[in-house]
């Protein structure tokens, strides 16, 4: 199975990750900003 990775976890990257995951791909997201999951 192919693996997909995104660099950056903004809206566009999250959208692409969701699409690939829906089609059965293993998806990893990475963002160099440590607090990206704490954004409002």
N, C-alpha and C. Protein backbone atom coordinates (compact mmCIF):
# COMPACT_ATOMS: atom_id res chain seq x y z
N UNK A 1 0.85 -1.18 0.00
CA UNK A 1 0.00 0.00 0.00
C UNK A 1 0.89 1.24 0.00
N UNK A 2 0.51 2.25 -0.75
CA UNK A 2 1.24 3.50 -0.79
C UNK A 2 1.02 4.29 0.49
N UNK A 3 2.03 5.03 0.88
CA UNK A 3 1.94 5.89 2.05
C UNK A 3 1.99 7.33 1.58
N UNK A 4 1.20 8.16 2.16
CA UNK A 4 1.12 9.58 1.81
C UNK A 4 1.56 10.39 3.02
N UNK A 5 2.35 11.42 2.80
CA UNK A 5 2.76 12.33 3.87
C UNK A 5 2.55 13.76 3.42
N UNK A 6 2.13 14.60 4.34
CA UNK A 6 2.03 16.02 4.04
C UNK A 6 2.98 16.77 4.96
N UNK A 7 3.56 17.83 4.45
CA UNK A 7 4.41 18.70 5.24
C UNK A 7 3.61 19.97 5.46
N UNK A 8 3.25 20.21 6.69
CA UNK A 8 2.35 21.30 7.05
C UNK A 8 0.97 20.72 7.33
N UNK A 9 0.31 21.27 8.30
CA UNK A 9 -1.01 20.75 8.70
C UNK A 9 -2.09 21.80 8.58
N UNK A 10 -1.95 22.66 7.60
CA UNK A 10 -2.97 23.67 7.36
C UNK A 10 -4.21 23.07 6.72
N UNK A 11 -5.13 23.91 6.39
CA UNK A 11 -6.42 23.47 5.85
C UNK A 11 -6.26 22.62 4.59
N UNK A 12 -5.42 23.06 3.66
CA UNK A 12 -5.25 22.33 2.40
C UNK A 12 -4.64 20.96 2.66
N UNK A 13 -3.58 20.89 3.46
CA UNK A 13 -2.95 19.60 3.76
C UNK A 13 -3.92 18.65 4.46
N UNK A 14 -4.71 19.17 5.39
CA UNK A 14 -5.69 18.33 6.07
C UNK A 14 -6.74 17.82 5.09
N UNK A 15 -7.13 18.66 4.16
CA UNK A 15 -8.11 18.25 3.16
C UNK A 15 -7.57 17.13 2.28
N UNK A 16 -6.33 17.28 1.79
CA UNK A 16 -5.72 16.24 0.97
C UNK A 16 -5.57 14.94 1.76
N UNK A 17 -5.15 15.06 3.01
CA UNK A 17 -4.98 13.87 3.86
C UNK A 17 -6.31 13.13 4.03
N UNK A 18 -7.37 13.87 4.21
CA UNK A 18 -8.70 13.26 4.36
C UNK A 18 -9.10 12.52 3.09
N UNK A 19 -8.88 13.12 1.95
CA UNK A 19 -9.23 12.48 0.68
C UNK A 19 -8.44 11.18 0.50
N UNK A 20 -7.14 11.23 0.72
CA UNK A 20 -6.32 10.02 0.56
C UNK A 20 -6.72 8.94 1.56
N UNK A 21 -7.01 9.33 2.80
CA UNK A 21 -7.42 8.35 3.81
C UNK A 21 -8.74 7.69 3.43
N UNK A 22 -9.65 8.44 2.86
CA UNK A 22 -10.93 7.87 2.43
C UNK A 22 -10.74 6.81 1.35
N UNK A 23 -9.66 6.92 0.58
CA UNK A 23 -9.38 5.95 -0.47
C UNK A 23 -8.45 4.83 0.01
N UNK A 24 -8.22 4.75 1.32
CA UNK A 24 -7.49 3.64 1.89
C UNK A 24 -5.99 3.79 2.03
N UNK A 25 -5.46 4.98 1.76
CA UNK A 25 -4.03 5.20 1.90
C UNK A 25 -3.68 5.44 3.37
N UNK A 26 -2.47 5.03 3.75
CA UNK A 26 -1.95 5.35 5.06
C UNK A 26 -1.41 6.78 4.97
N UNK A 27 -1.86 7.66 5.86
CA UNK A 27 -1.54 9.08 5.77
C UNK A 27 -0.84 9.56 7.04
N UNK A 28 0.23 10.33 6.87
CA UNK A 28 0.93 10.97 7.98
C UNK A 28 0.98 12.47 7.71
N UNK A 29 0.75 13.25 8.74
CA UNK A 29 0.86 14.70 8.63
C UNK A 29 1.98 15.17 9.53
N UNK A 30 2.77 16.12 9.05
CA UNK A 30 3.86 16.68 9.83
C UNK A 30 3.82 18.19 9.68
N UNK A 31 4.03 18.88 10.79
CA UNK A 31 4.13 20.34 10.75
C UNK A 31 5.31 20.75 11.61
N UNK A 32 6.20 21.59 11.10
CA UNK A 32 7.37 22.00 11.87
C UNK A 32 7.03 22.92 13.05
N UNK A 33 5.82 23.43 13.11
CA UNK A 33 5.41 24.30 14.21
C UNK A 33 4.91 23.40 15.36
N UNK A 34 5.61 23.40 16.49
CA UNK A 34 5.26 22.48 17.58
C UNK A 34 3.82 22.62 18.09
N UNK A 35 3.27 23.80 18.08
CA UNK A 35 1.95 24.01 18.66
C UNK A 35 0.84 24.05 17.63
N UNK A 36 1.04 23.42 16.47
CA UNK A 36 0.05 23.50 15.40
C UNK A 36 -1.31 22.93 15.86
N UNK A 37 -1.30 21.94 16.73
CA UNK A 37 -2.55 21.36 17.19
C UNK A 37 -3.25 22.21 18.25
N UNK A 38 -2.62 23.30 18.66
CA UNK A 38 -3.20 24.19 19.67
C UNK A 38 -3.82 25.45 19.07
N UNK A 39 -3.78 25.57 17.73
CA UNK A 39 -4.33 26.77 17.06
C UNK A 39 -5.83 26.85 17.26
N UNK A 40 -6.32 28.08 17.29
CA UNK A 40 -7.78 28.30 17.41
C UNK A 40 -8.45 28.15 16.08
